[in-house]
Structures are given as structure tokens and as C-alpha cells.
Amino acid sequence: MRTTFVADNLDAIRDHFFYDRGAGVLTTSRGAKGCLRPDGYRIFKFRKRLVFAHVIAYALTWGSVPKAITFVDGDKGNLKPENLKESV
């Protein structure tokens, strides 16, 4: 997934998603929780594209999208801000 898509649509993403930072849970404004892939990543369909939940969560927290994101504790389901770190 191209990270520029998320960065270019950040205002619309803010309107479309609800991110509970304390619980580390991302849902759509209608309450949908996306789909869990077999590899553990959660994805959402937004504007006819599949977008990783952790990329959306990072963008909603920090207002930008890095080229790569690491899960500090290794848990791809943990979308808390302190668990999402920009990879070098």
C-alpha cells in the first residue's frame, strides 16, 4: 500500500475512522472493525483501496505516514500509539 494515499487523504480519513488511542482500537465511523488477514494485519477498505489499520492509526496519531512502521511489542493487533514506531 502506498503511504502517500493515506497522507493525501488524511482529512477524509479523520472523518471516516474512529481511533480509540487508549484501547488501541480502530473502527470506521459506522463501527466496522475491518478484516483480519491470516498474517495478523488488520485492513480496511477506504475509497476502493485496502489500507493497513496500523498505517491509519499512525497517521491519525502523528499526522504523517512513515515509509515503514514497527510494532514495538510484536503484536500486529496492538494499535496503541506507544506500540507504533517509525522504522529506519
Protein backbone atom coordinates (compact mmCIF):
# COMPACT_ATOMS: atom_id res chain seq x y z
CA MET A 1 0.00 0.00 0.00
CA ARG A 2 1.34 3.38 -0.90
CA THR A 3 1.63 5.55 2.16
CA THR A 4 1.07 8.68 0.07
CA PHE A 5 -2.57 7.62 -0.39
CA VAL A 6 -3.14 7.86 3.38
CA ALA A 7 -1.20 11.11 3.68
CA ASP A 8 -3.10 12.66 0.75
CA ASN A 9 -6.47 11.64 2.23
CA LEU A 10 -5.80 12.37 5.91
CA ASP A 11 -8.72 14.77 6.37
CA ALA A 12 -11.17 12.28 4.87
CA ILE A 13 -9.65 9.50 6.98
CA ARG A 14 -10.22 11.59 10.12
CA ASP A 15 -13.90 11.82 9.16
CA HIS A 16 -14.25 8.14 8.22
CA PHE A 17 -12.46 6.41 11.12
CA PHE A 18 -12.68 6.44 14.91
CA TYR A 19 -9.43 5.68 16.72
CA ASP A 20 -9.50 4.90 20.44
CA ARG A 21 -5.85 5.50 21.30
CA GLY A 22 -6.19 4.23 24.87
CA ALA A 23 -7.56 0.87 23.79
CA GLY A 24 -5.61 0.77 20.53
CA VAL A 25 -8.76 0.08 18.52
CA LEU A 26 -9.57 1.48 15.09
CA THR A 27 -13.09 1.31 13.62
CA THR A 28 -14.96 3.06 10.88
CA SER A 29 -17.44 5.76 11.83
CA ARG A 30 -20.11 3.06 11.35
CA GLY A 31 -18.40 0.69 13.78
CA ALA A 32 -16.82 -1.75 11.31
CA LYS A 33 -13.58 -3.30 12.55
CA GLY A 34 -12.06 -4.13 9.16
CA CYS A 35 -10.78 -7.57 8.19
CA LEU A 36 -8.04 -9.56 9.84
CA ARG A 37 -5.60 -11.10 7.39
CA PRO A 38 -4.03 -14.53 8.06
CA ASP A 39 -0.67 -12.81 8.70
CA GLY A 40 -2.17 -10.82 11.60
CA TYR A 41 -2.52 -7.42 9.92
CA ARG A 42 -5.91 -5.70 10.02
CA ILE A 43 -7.04 -3.96 6.84
CA PHE A 44 -9.85 -1.61 5.88
CA LYS A 45 -11.32 -0.71 2.53
CA PHE A 46 -11.29 3.04 2.02
CA ARG A 47 -12.07 4.76 -1.27
CA LYS A 48 -11.79 1.46 -3.15
CA ARG A 49 -8.34 0.68 -1.71
CA LEU A 50 -7.16 -1.66 1.01
CA VAL A 51 -5.35 0.20 3.78
CA PHE A 52 -3.50 -1.25 6.77
CA ALA A 53 -5.02 -0.34 10.14
CA HIS A 54 -1.62 0.43 11.68
CA VAL A 55 -0.87 2.96 8.93
CA ILE A 56 -4.19 4.73 9.57
CA ALA A 57 -3.62 4.67 13.35
CA TYR A 58 -0.12 6.10 12.98
CA ALA A 59 -1.36 8.83 10.63
CA LEU A 60 -4.23 9.77 12.96
CA THR A 61 -1.81 9.99 15.89
CA TRP A 62 1.17 11.75 14.34
CA GLY A 63 -0.34 13.42 11.27
CA SER A 64 2.14 11.81 8.90
CA VAL A 65 2.97 8.42 7.43
CA PRO A 66 6.48 6.95 7.55
CA LYS A 67 7.77 4.51 4.95
CA ALA A 68 7.67 1.66 7.47
CA ILE A 69 6.13 1.06 10.90
CA THR A 70 7.34 -1.38 13.56
CA PHE A 71 5.20 -2.89 16.32
CA VAL A 72 7.27 -2.41 19.49
CA ASP A 73 5.80 -5.46 21.24
CA GLY A 74 5.48 -7.51 18.03
CA ASP A 75 1.67 -7.65 18.30
CA LYS A 76 0.13 -6.51 15.00
CA GLY A 77 -3.23 -6.16 16.73
CA ASN A 78 -1.94 -3.63 19.26
CA LEU A 79 -2.59 -0.25 17.64
CA LYS A 80 -1.80 1.87 20.70
CA PRO A 81 0.37 4.87 19.79
CA GLU A 82 3.22 3.76 22.06
CA ASN A 83 3.36 0.43 20.16
CA LEU A 84 3.70 2.00 16.70
CA LYS A 85 7.20 3.20 15.90
CA GLU A 86 8.69 4.51 12.69
CA SER A 87 11.17 2.01 11.27
CA VAL A 88 14.51 3.13 9.96
